[in-house]
Amino acid sequence: MMDLWQLPWVWVVAGLVLGVAEMLIPGFIFLGFSIGAVVTGALVWIGIVGNSVPITLITFAILSIIAWLVLRKLMGVRRGQVKHWHDDINEN
């Protein structure tokens, strides 16, 4: 019997759920995980990955990090994303 993590449709559905979560909570937090899950599902479906759960999870982690880095490079960091405080609320 196959483990749940070795079924390709589970990965694709997880990727779609994470994509919906990204639309509800924007900020490119879940989008890298979503892309990683869909690509992992495709690799499991093709048969490249999926022989063992640890290898599948490591593949998902690596693909998610790569997707996040590519998104970060393409979308960039917005100007003013980091807030610099000049005044302290505790100063009189």
Protein backbone atom coordinates (compact mmCIF):
# COMPACT_ATOMS: atom_id res chain seq x y z
CA MET A 1 0.00 0.00 0.00
CA MET A 2 1.31 3.44 -0.96
CA ASP A 3 1.82 6.08 1.65
CA LEU A 4 -0.34 9.19 1.32
CA TRP A 5 2.71 11.37 0.66
CA GLN A 6 3.63 9.26 -2.37
CA LEU A 7 0.39 9.98 -4.26
CA PRO A 8 0.79 12.71 -6.89
CA TRP A 9 -2.73 14.10 -6.53
CA VAL A 10 -2.12 14.80 -2.83
CA TRP A 11 0.80 17.06 -3.73
CA VAL A 12 -1.14 18.85 -6.46
CA VAL A 13 -4.15 19.43 -4.18
CA ALA A 14 -1.81 20.67 -1.42
CA GLY A 15 -0.24 23.05 -3.94
CA LEU A 16 -3.66 24.37 -4.96
CA VAL A 17 -4.68 24.84 -1.33
CA LEU A 18 -1.45 26.74 -0.66
CA GLY A 19 -2.10 28.84 -3.78
CA VAL A 20 -5.53 29.78 -2.43
CA ALA A 21 -3.93 30.59 0.93
CA GLU A 22 -1.51 32.89 -0.90
CA MET A 23 -4.43 34.75 -2.46
CA LEU A 24 -6.07 35.17 0.93
CA ILE A 25 -2.85 36.11 2.73
CA PRO A 26 -0.66 37.86 0.12
CA GLY A 27 3.04 38.35 0.54
CA PHE A 28 4.72 35.50 -1.34
CA ILE A 29 4.72 33.37 1.80
CA PHE A 30 2.78 30.38 0.54
CA LEU A 31 3.49 30.75 -3.19
CA GLY A 32 6.93 29.10 -3.01
CA PHE A 33 5.46 26.18 -1.09
CA SER A 34 2.62 25.97 -3.59
CA ILE A 35 4.96 25.80 -6.56
CA GLY A 36 7.16 23.28 -4.74
CA ALA A 37 4.15 21.05 -3.99
CA VAL A 38 2.83 21.11 -7.57
CA VAL A 39 6.27 20.36 -9.04
CA THR A 40 6.78 17.59 -6.48
CA GLY A 41 3.41 16.15 -7.49
CA ALA A 42 4.48 16.23 -11.13
CA LEU A 43 7.77 14.49 -10.30
CA VAL A 44 5.94 11.83 -8.28
CA TRP A 45 3.50 11.32 -11.16
CA ILE A 46 6.34 10.96 -13.68
CA GLY A 47 8.08 8.53 -11.35
CA ILE A 48 11.29 10.47 -10.74
CA VAL A 49 10.56 10.90 -7.02
CA GLY A 50 8.28 8.96 -4.72
CA ASN A 51 10.12 5.80 -3.74
CA SER A 52 10.47 6.92 -0.14
CA VAL A 53 8.77 9.54 1.97
CA PRO A 54 11.97 11.24 3.24
CA ILE A 55 13.29 11.72 -0.30
CA THR A 56 9.92 13.09 -1.41
CA LEU A 57 9.83 15.54 1.50
CA ILE A 58 13.42 16.64 0.89
CA THR A 59 12.58 17.16 -2.78
CA PHE A 60 9.57 19.27 -1.76
CA ALA A 61 11.72 21.35 0.59
CA ILE A 62 14.44 21.95 -2.00
CA LEU A 63 11.95 22.82 -4.74
CA SER A 64 10.09 25.18 -2.40
CA ILE A 65 13.29 27.01 -1.48
CA ILE A 66 14.29 27.29 -5.13
CA ALA A 67 10.81 28.57 -6.06
CA TRP A 68 10.90 31.11 -3.23
CA LEU A 69 14.36 32.35 -4.26
CA VAL A 70 13.31 32.67 -7.90
CA LEU A 71 10.16 34.56 -6.90
CA ARG A 72 12.20 36.81 -4.65
CA LYS A 73 14.61 37.52 -7.51
CA LEU A 74 11.82 38.16 -10.03
CA MET A 75 9.55 40.21 -7.78
CA GLY A 76 12.32 41.86 -5.81
CA VAL A 77 12.08 43.63 -2.51
CA ARG A 78 9.68 46.55 -2.46
CA ARG A 79 11.07 49.95 -1.61
CA GLY A 80 10.19 50.91 1.90
CA GLN A 81 9.57 47.31 2.92
CA VAL A 82 11.81 47.74 5.94
CA LYS A 83 10.59 50.40 8.31
CA HIS A 84 13.27 52.57 9.89
CA TRP A 85 12.14 54.26 13.09
CA HIS A 86 13.62 57.66 13.85
CA ASP A 87 11.61 58.43 16.96
CA ASP A 88 10.98 56.30 19.98
CA ILE A 89 7.51 56.40 21.52
CA ASN A 90 9.10 56.30 24.96
CA GLU A 91 11.07 59.51 24.43
CA ASN A 92 9.57 62.70 25.87
